């Protein structure tokens, strides 16, 4: 019985940690995507400016 009570919290901890990590990864990926979008937009604007000249 003691074994079970010790095992469950660690299981919960592992699950929480995994969820937290996946959330971190997702937010990182979203941030990177936003940065890339901004970068692509900047390139697009530069091209527009060059083509107008």
N, C-alpha and C. Protein backbone atom coordinates (compact mmCIF):
# COMPACT_ATOMS: atom_id res chain seq x y z
N UNK A 1 0.84 -1.21 0.00
CA UNK A 1 0.00 0.00 0.00
C UNK A 1 0.88 1.26 0.00
N UNK A 2 1.93 1.22 0.79
CA UNK A 2 2.85 2.37 0.84
C UNK A 2 3.47 2.60 -0.54
N UNK A 3 3.79 1.49 -1.20
CA UNK A 3 4.38 1.54 -2.54
C UNK A 3 3.47 2.30 -3.50
N UNK A 4 2.18 2.00 -3.43
CA UNK A 4 1.20 2.66 -4.31
C UNK A 4 1.13 4.16 -4.05
N UNK A 5 1.06 4.53 -2.78
CA UNK A 5 0.95 5.96 -2.45
C UNK A 5 2.21 6.72 -2.89
N UNK A 6 3.35 6.03 -2.91
CA UNK A 6 4.58 6.67 -3.37
C UNK A 6 4.61 6.75 -4.89
N UNK A 7 4.06 5.74 -5.54
CA UNK A 7 4.10 5.65 -6.99
C UNK A 7 3.18 6.68 -7.65
N UNK A 8 1.99 6.84 -7.12
CA UNK A 8 0.99 7.73 -7.74
C UNK A 8 1.49 9.18 -7.84
N UNK A 9 2.00 9.78 -6.75
CA UNK A 9 2.47 11.17 -6.88
C UNK A 9 3.56 11.34 -7.93
N UNK A 10 4.47 10.36 -8.02
CA UNK A 10 5.53 10.46 -9.03
C UNK A 10 4.94 10.37 -10.43
N UNK A 11 3.95 9.52 -10.61
CA UNK A 11 3.27 9.41 -11.90
C UNK A 11 2.64 10.75 -12.27
N UNK A 12 1.93 11.32 -11.30
CA UNK A 12 1.28 12.62 -11.51
C UNK A 12 2.33 13.69 -11.83
N UNK A 13 3.43 13.66 -11.09
CA UNK A 13 4.52 14.62 -11.31
C UNK A 13 5.06 14.51 -12.73
N UNK A 14 5.29 13.27 -13.16
CA UNK A 14 5.82 13.02 -14.51
C UNK A 14 4.85 13.55 -15.56
N UNK A 15 3.56 13.27 -15.37
CA UNK A 15 2.54 13.72 -16.32
C UNK A 15 2.51 15.25 -16.38
N UNK A 16 2.53 15.89 -15.20
CA UNK A 16 2.50 17.36 -15.13
C UNK A 16 3.74 17.92 -15.84
N UNK A 17 4.90 17.33 -15.55
CA UNK A 17 6.14 17.79 -16.18
C UNK A 17 6.07 17.66 -17.69
N UNK A 18 5.56 16.52 -18.16
CA UNK A 18 5.45 16.31 -19.61
C UNK A 18 4.50 17.33 -20.23
N UNK A 19 3.37 17.57 -19.57
CA UNK A 19 2.40 18.55 -20.06
C UNK A 19 3.04 19.93 -20.11
N UNK A 20 3.78 20.27 -19.05
CA UNK A 20 4.43 21.57 -18.97
C UNK A 20 5.44 21.72 -20.10
N UNK A 21 6.23 20.66 -20.32
CA UNK A 21 7.24 20.69 -21.38
C UNK A 21 6.59 20.83 -22.75
N UNK A 22 5.51 20.08 -22.97
CA UNK A 22 4.84 20.16 -24.28
C UNK A 22 4.24 21.55 -24.48
N UNK A 23 3.73 22.14 -23.39
CA UNK A 23 3.19 23.51 -23.48
C UNK A 23 4.32 24.48 -23.81
N UNK A 24 5.46 24.31 -23.15
CA UNK A 24 6.62 25.17 -23.41
C UNK A 24 7.03 25.04 -24.87
N UNK A 25 7.10 23.79 -25.36
CA UNK A 25 7.49 23.54 -26.75
C UNK A 25 6.52 24.22 -27.70
N UNK A 26 5.23 24.07 -27.42
CA UNK A 26 4.20 24.65 -28.29
C UNK A 26 4.34 26.17 -28.33
N UNK A 27 4.54 26.79 -27.17
CA UNK A 27 4.66 28.25 -27.14
C UNK A 27 5.94 28.69 -27.85
N UNK A 28 7.01 27.89 -27.70
CA UNK A 28 8.26 28.19 -28.39
C UNK A 28 8.05 28.13 -29.91
N UNK A 29 7.38 27.06 -30.35
CA UNK A 29 7.12 26.88 -31.79
C UNK A 29 6.28 28.05 -32.31
N UNK A 30 5.28 28.45 -31.53
CA UNK A 30 4.43 29.58 -31.95
C UNK A 30 5.25 30.85 -32.05
N UNK A 31 6.13 31.08 -31.07
CA UNK A 31 6.98 32.27 -31.07
C UNK A 31 7.88 32.27 -32.30
N UNK A 32 8.48 31.11 -32.57
CA UNK A 32 9.37 30.99 -33.73
C UNK A 32 8.60 31.26 -35.02
N UNK A 33 7.38 30.70 -35.10
CA UNK A 33 6.54 30.92 -36.29
C UNK A 33 6.24 32.41 -36.46
N UNK A 34 5.93 33.08 -35.36
CA UNK A 34 5.63 34.52 -35.41
C UNK A 34 6.85 35.29 -35.90
N UNK A 35 8.02 34.94 -35.37
CA UNK A 35 9.26 35.60 -35.77
C UNK A 35 9.50 35.39 -37.26
N UNK A 36 9.32 34.15 -37.71
CA UNK A 36 9.53 33.83 -39.13
C UNK A 36 8.54 34.60 -40.00
N UNK A 37 7.29 34.69 -39.55
CA UNK A 37 6.27 35.44 -40.30
C UNK A 37 6.70 36.89 -40.45
N UNK A 38 7.14 37.48 -39.35
CA UNK A 38 7.61 38.86 -39.37
C UNK A 38 8.79 39.02 -40.31
N UNK A 39 9.69 38.05 -40.27
CA UNK A 39 10.88 38.08 -41.12
C UNK A 39 10.49 37.99 -42.59
N UNK A 40 9.59 37.06 -42.92
CA UNK A 40 9.12 36.90 -44.30
C UNK A 40 8.43 38.18 -44.76
N UNK A 41 7.64 38.79 -43.89
CA UNK A 41 6.94 40.02 -44.24
C UNK A 41 7.94 41.12 -44.54
N UNK A 42 9.01 41.18 -43.74
CA UNK A 42 10.06 42.17 -43.94
C UNK A 42 10.70 41.98 -45.31
N UNK A 43 11.00 40.75 -45.66
CA UNK A 43 11.60 40.43 -46.96
C UNK A 43 10.64 40.84 -48.08
N UNK A 44 9.37 40.52 -47.89
CA UNK A 44 8.34 40.85 -48.87
C UNK A 44 8.28 42.36 -49.08
N UNK A 45 8.32 43.12 -47.97
CA UNK A 45 8.29 44.58 -48.06
C UNK A 45 9.51 45.10 -48.81
N UNK A 46 10.68 44.53 -48.49
CA UNK A 46 11.92 44.93 -49.16
C UNK A 46 11.81 44.70 -50.67
N UNK A 47 11.27 43.55 -51.05
CA UNK A 47 11.11 43.22 -52.46
C UNK A 47 10.18 44.22 -53.14
N UNK A 48 9.09 44.58 -52.45
CA UNK A 48 8.12 45.54 -52.98
C UNK A 48 8.82 46.88 -53.22
N UNK A 49 9.60 47.31 -52.24
CA UNK A 49 10.31 48.60 -52.34
C UNK A 49 11.28 48.57 -53.52
N UNK A 50 12.02 47.45 -53.64
CA UNK A 50 13.00 47.33 -54.73
C UNK A 50 12.32 47.31 -56.10
N UNK A 51 11.19 46.65 -56.19
CA UNK A 51 10.49 46.55 -57.48
C UNK A 51 9.88 47.90 -57.88
N UNK A 52 9.56 48.74 -56.89
CA UNK A 52 8.98 50.05 -57.18
C UNK A 52 10.04 51.03 -57.67
N UNK A 53 11.29 50.82 -57.26
CA UNK A 53 12.37 51.75 -57.62
C UNK A 53 12.75 51.62 -59.09
